[in-house]
Protein backbone atom coordinates (compact mmCIF):
# COMPACT_ATOMS: atom_id res chain seq x y z
CA MET A 1 111.80 44.84 122.58
CA ALA A 2 110.87 43.52 125.99
CA ALA A 3 112.41 45.00 129.13
CA VAL A 4 115.26 43.09 130.71
CA PRO A 5 114.31 42.19 134.30
CA GLY A 6 116.69 42.18 137.19
CA TRP A 7 119.50 44.40 135.95
CA GLN A 8 118.14 47.63 137.35
CA GLU A 9 115.99 48.79 140.19
CA ARG A 10 112.49 49.26 138.81
CA SER A 11 110.62 52.37 139.86
CA ARG A 12 107.53 52.40 137.68
CA ALA A 13 104.27 54.20 138.34
CA GLN A 14 101.01 53.56 136.49
CA ILE A 15 99.78 56.85 135.03
CA LEU A 16 96.49 56.65 133.12
CA GLY A 17 97.12 53.01 132.36
CA ALA A 18 100.69 53.51 131.17
CA PRO A 19 103.81 52.49 133.11
CA LEU A 20 106.23 55.41 133.59
CA ASP A 21 109.65 55.30 135.22
CA ALA A 22 109.96 57.74 138.14
CA LEU A 23 113.48 58.92 137.34
CA THR A 24 115.35 62.21 137.10
CA MET A 25 117.43 63.21 134.08
CA GLY A 26 120.61 62.39 135.99
CA GLU A 27 119.34 58.92 136.86
CA VAL A 28 118.37 58.22 133.26
CA LEU A 29 121.80 59.32 132.00
CA GLY A 30 123.45 57.09 134.59
CA ARG A 31 121.50 54.09 133.38
CA CYS A 32 122.34 54.88 129.76
CA VAL A 33 126.07 55.13 130.45
CA GLY A 34 125.91 51.92 132.48
CA ALA A 35 124.13 50.07 129.67
CA ILE A 36 126.73 51.09 127.08
CA ASP A 37 129.70 50.32 129.31
CA GLU A 38 128.27 46.93 130.28
CA GLY A 39 127.20 45.99 126.75
CA ARG A 40 123.47 45.93 127.49
CA THR A 41 120.66 47.24 125.29
CA LEU A 42 118.37 49.92 126.69
CA SER A 43 115.35 51.07 124.69
CA ILE A 44 113.75 54.37 125.73
CA GLY A 45 110.17 55.45 125.13
CA VAL A 46 108.72 58.87 125.93
CA VAL A 47 105.08 59.86 126.34
CA ASN A 48 103.20 63.14 126.35
CA ALA A 49 99.49 63.86 126.63
CA ALA A 50 98.79 63.14 122.96
CA LYS A 51 100.58 59.80 123.02
CA LEU A 52 98.75 58.69 126.17
CA VAL A 53 95.49 59.48 124.40
CA ASN A 54 96.53 57.61 121.26
CA MET A 55 97.70 54.62 123.28
CA ARG A 56 94.12 54.14 124.47
CA ALA A 57 92.95 53.67 120.88
CA ASP A 58 96.01 51.99 119.35
CA ALA A 59 96.89 48.70 121.04
CA ASP A 60 99.97 48.23 118.85
CA LEU A 61 101.34 51.64 119.84
CA ARG A 62 100.60 50.98 123.51
CA GLN A 63 102.39 47.63 123.54
CA SER A 64 105.37 49.09 121.70
CA VAL A 65 105.73 51.80 124.36
CA VAL A 66 105.17 49.44 127.29
CA ASP A 67 107.83 47.07 125.96
CA CYS A 68 110.54 49.77 126.19
CA ASP A 69 113.07 49.31 128.97
CA LEU A 70 112.48 52.89 130.14
CA VAL A 71 109.29 54.92 129.65
CA LEU A 72 109.66 58.61 130.51
CA ALA A 73 107.38 61.62 130.88
CA ASP A 74 108.14 63.79 127.87
CA GLY A 75 105.32 66.26 128.58
CA GLN A 76 104.90 68.54 131.61
CA SER A 77 101.18 67.76 131.61
CA VAL A 78 102.02 64.10 132.30
CA VAL A 79 104.07 65.13 135.35
CA TRP A 80 101.18 67.27 136.62
CA ALA A 81 98.74 64.41 136.07
CA SER A 82 101.01 62.09 138.06
CA LYS A 83 100.83 64.47 141.04
CA VAL A 84 97.06 64.81 140.86
CA LEU A 85 96.63 61.03 140.61
CA GLY A 86 98.95 60.24 143.52
CA HIS A 87 101.87 58.70 141.61
CA GLU A 88 104.21 61.67 141.55
CA LEU A 89 107.04 61.65 139.02
CA PRO A 90 110.19 63.52 140.16
CA GLU A 91 110.50 65.63 137.01
CA ARG A 92 109.91 65.85 133.32
CA VAL A 93 112.54 64.10 131.19
CA ALA A 94 111.85 65.55 127.76
CA GLY A 95 112.97 63.44 124.82
CA ILE A 96 114.80 66.34 123.16
CA ASP A 97 116.65 67.21 126.39
CA LEU A 98 117.72 63.60 126.87
CA PHE A 99 118.81 63.57 123.22
CA THR A 100 121.10 66.57 123.65
CA GLU A 101 122.48 65.32 126.98
CA LEU A 102 123.30 61.95 125.43
CA LEU A 103 125.14 63.68 122.60
CA ARG A 104 127.32 65.45 125.19
CA GLU A 105 128.00 62.15 126.94
CA ALA A 106 128.81 60.52 123.61
CA GLU A 107 131.37 63.18 122.74
CA ASP A 108 132.97 63.00 126.20
CA ARG A 109 133.07 59.20 126.37
CA GLY A 110 133.77 58.30 122.75
CA TYR A 111 130.39 56.72 122.02
CA ARG A 112 129.26 56.63 118.37
CA PRO A 113 125.67 57.65 117.49
CA TYR A 114 123.53 56.79 114.45
CA PHE A 115 120.71 59.08 113.30
CA LEU A 116 117.66 57.58 111.62
CA GLY A 117 114.79 59.77 110.48
CA ALA A 118 113.53 63.04 108.97
CA SER A 119 113.83 64.03 105.31
CA PRO A 120 117.22 64.03 103.55
CA ASP A 121 117.53 67.83 103.67
CA VAL A 122 116.61 68.04 107.37
CA LEU A 123 118.99 65.19 108.17
CA GLU A 124 121.82 67.02 106.40
CA LEU A 125 121.13 70.19 108.42
CA LEU A 126 120.93 68.15 111.63
CA LEU A 127 124.29 66.50 111.05
CA ALA A 128 125.90 69.85 110.26
CA GLU A 129 124.55 71.34 113.49
CA ILE A 130 125.65 68.36 115.58
CA ARG A 131 129.16 68.54 114.10
CA ARG A 132 129.23 72.24 114.94
CA ARG A 133 128.16 71.64 118.55
CA HIS A 134 130.22 68.50 119.08
CA PRO A 135 133.36 68.62 116.92
CA GLY A 136 134.88 65.68 118.80
CA LEU A 137 131.90 63.39 118.22
CA GLU A 138 132.39 60.45 115.87
CA ILE A 139 129.14 59.78 113.99
CA ALA A 140 128.57 56.13 113.11
CA GLY A 141 126.07 56.87 110.34
CA ALA A 142 122.76 58.37 109.31
CA ARG A 143 119.75 57.57 107.13
CA ASP A 144 116.54 59.46 106.42
CA GLY A 145 113.22 58.14 107.70
CA TYR A 146 111.52 57.72 104.32
CA PHE A 147 111.96 54.00 103.97
CA ASP A 148 109.31 51.37 103.37
CA PRO A 149 108.52 49.19 106.41
CA ALA A 150 109.42 46.21 104.22
CA ASP A 151 113.01 47.52 104.18
CA SER A 152 113.28 47.62 107.98
CA ALA A 153 115.51 44.53 108.15
CA GLU A 154 117.97 46.14 105.72
CA VAL A 155 117.92 49.39 107.71
CA ALA A 156 118.59 47.52 110.96
CA ALA A 157 121.45 45.58 109.33
CA ASP A 158 123.04 48.83 108.10
CA ILE A 159 122.91 50.27 111.62
CA ALA A 160 124.44 47.11 113.09
CA ALA A 161 127.23 47.21 110.51
CA SER A 162 128.03 50.81 111.49
CA GLY A 163 128.93 49.72 115.04
CA ALA A 164 126.75 52.45 116.56
CA ASP A 165 126.53 52.66 120.35
CA LEU A 166 123.47 54.92 120.29
CA LEU A 167 120.54 55.00 117.86
CA PHE A 168 118.37 58.12 117.68
CA LEU A 169 115.12 57.85 115.73
CA GLY A 170 113.59 61.07 114.41
CA ILE A 171 110.49 59.28 113.14
CA THR A 172 106.84 59.91 113.95
CA SER A 173 104.68 57.63 116.11
CA PRO A 174 103.77 54.83 115.87
CA LYS A 175 106.34 53.98 113.17
CA LYS A 176 109.32 54.58 115.44
CA GLU A 177 107.91 52.57 118.35
CA ILE A 178 107.11 49.65 116.06
CA PHE A 179 110.59 49.78 114.49
CA VAL A 180 112.19 49.72 117.94
CA ARG A 181 110.01 46.82 119.04
CA ASP A 182 110.55 44.71 115.93
CA TRP A 183 114.09 45.64 114.90
CA GLY A 184 115.75 47.38 117.85
CA ALA A 185 117.73 44.31 118.92
CA ALA A 186 118.89 43.71 115.34
CA THR A 187 120.53 47.16 115.20
CA LYS A 188 122.90 46.08 118.03
CA ALA A 189 122.85 49.67 119.36
CA LYS A 190 123.08 49.84 123.15
CA ILE A 191 120.87 52.93 123.59
CA ILE A 192 117.79 53.24 121.37
CA HIS A 193 115.93 56.51 121.80
CA GLY A 194 112.95 57.69 119.73
CA VAL A 195 113.23 61.47 119.64
CA GLY A 196 110.35 62.32 117.28
CA GLY A 197 110.53 65.90 116.01
CA SER A 198 113.82 66.70 117.75
CA PHE A 199 115.70 66.37 114.47
CA ASP A 200 113.66 69.26 113.05
CA VAL A 201 114.39 71.40 116.11
CA LEU A 202 118.16 70.87 116.08
CA ALA A 203 118.20 71.33 112.30
CA GLY A 204 116.56 74.73 112.75
CA LYS A 205 113.41 73.81 110.84
CA THR A 206 111.17 74.06 113.91
CA ARG A 207 111.49 76.46 116.84
CA ARG A 208 111.24 75.06 120.33
CA ALA A 209 109.18 76.94 122.90
CA PRO A 210 111.06 79.26 125.30
CA ARG A 211 111.83 77.79 128.73
CA MET A 212 109.02 79.73 130.40
CA TRP A 213 106.48 78.13 128.05
CA GLN A 214 108.08 74.74 128.77
CA ARG A 215 107.81 75.21 132.54
CA LEU A 216 104.16 76.21 132.18
CA GLY A 217 103.45 73.11 130.10
CA LEU A 218 102.53 75.21 127.07
CA GLU A 219 104.92 73.85 124.45
CA TRP A 220 101.93 72.43 122.60
CA LEU A 221 100.42 75.94 122.39
CA TYR A 222 103.67 77.40 121.10
CA ARG A 223 103.79 74.72 118.39
CA MET A 224 100.13 75.26 117.54
CA LEU A 225 100.68 79.01 117.08
CA GLN A 226 103.39 78.21 114.53
CA GLU A 227 101.07 75.94 112.52
CA PRO A 228 97.51 76.71 113.66
CA ARG A 229 95.64 75.18 110.73
CA ARG A 230 97.49 71.88 110.81
CA LEU A 231 98.02 71.45 114.55
CA GLY A 232 95.10 73.38 116.06
CA PRO A 233 92.34 70.77 115.62
CA ARG A 234 94.69 67.95 116.63
CA TYR A 235 95.86 69.60 119.86
CA VAL A 236 92.38 70.73 120.89
CA LYS A 237 91.11 67.18 120.39
CA THR A 238 93.93 65.32 122.16
CA ASN A 239 94.28 67.81 125.03
CA GLY A 240 90.53 67.66 125.67
CA ARG A 241 90.62 63.87 125.74
CA PHE A 242 93.67 63.88 128.03
CA LEU A 243 91.92 66.19 130.50
CA LEU A 244 88.87 63.95 130.43
CA MET A 245 91.04 60.90 131.11
CA VAL A 246 92.55 62.62 134.17
CA VAL A 247 89.13 63.65 135.51
CA GLN A 248 87.73 60.16 135.00
CA GLU A 249 90.72 58.61 136.78
CA MET A 250 90.32 61.01 139.70
CA ALA A 251 86.63 60.13 139.98
CA TYR A 252 87.44 56.42 139.88
CA LYS A 253 90.01 56.80 142.67
CA ARG A 254 87.53 58.70 144.85
CA ARG A 255 84.90 55.97 144.39
CA SER A 256 87.48 53.31 145.26
CA THR A 257 88.51 54.91 148.58
């Protein structure tokens, strides 16, 4: 879904070849509330070190992220890289934090969210936890993420029929980015936010790193220690490539000055 020009002040910085919006959490929330109240659609993409690495190799993923109306720094390492490379972002806007803040806004303002993603059992736990945290929230609907891509039109039509104001996608990359690009408009949701593994965290299936680990940019390490065999090789590979990308960009900038 292509960005809508002209309706907002653009403040994008190019970080390792990807456009990121230099916004604080408060500014992002303000734009989300404005979009819903004015009947506009706002698609939100988030990137961390691993996704920036994968975007270099996957043109479809890259274009799907770039086409989002807002692209935010989900990882602390991306914020640090922005400082080193001279395009400083004001702060990290983690996808899970934006997710929980938007749920609070939805309860306060009467917005109706739809939840798409995860397995049926995780989705059930997620909905129970959200109802516990936000008893005044009216949920438009929910569907697990185990649907065939060929059924995407039907899924989008179901979301549109629910009258949802916000759509949260707990689906892995690049499936969620491609769904947003191809079917986001058809859902008629005003805010479309891909939250990845946040459903598992709120459902209690995955533990999030303590705040100190988050501030130090070590959430990836905390996750890896929980599942070392599955995540260890992946994180070592992507983090190494990300560091190399930053070093190469720094060297390029020095040669250009």
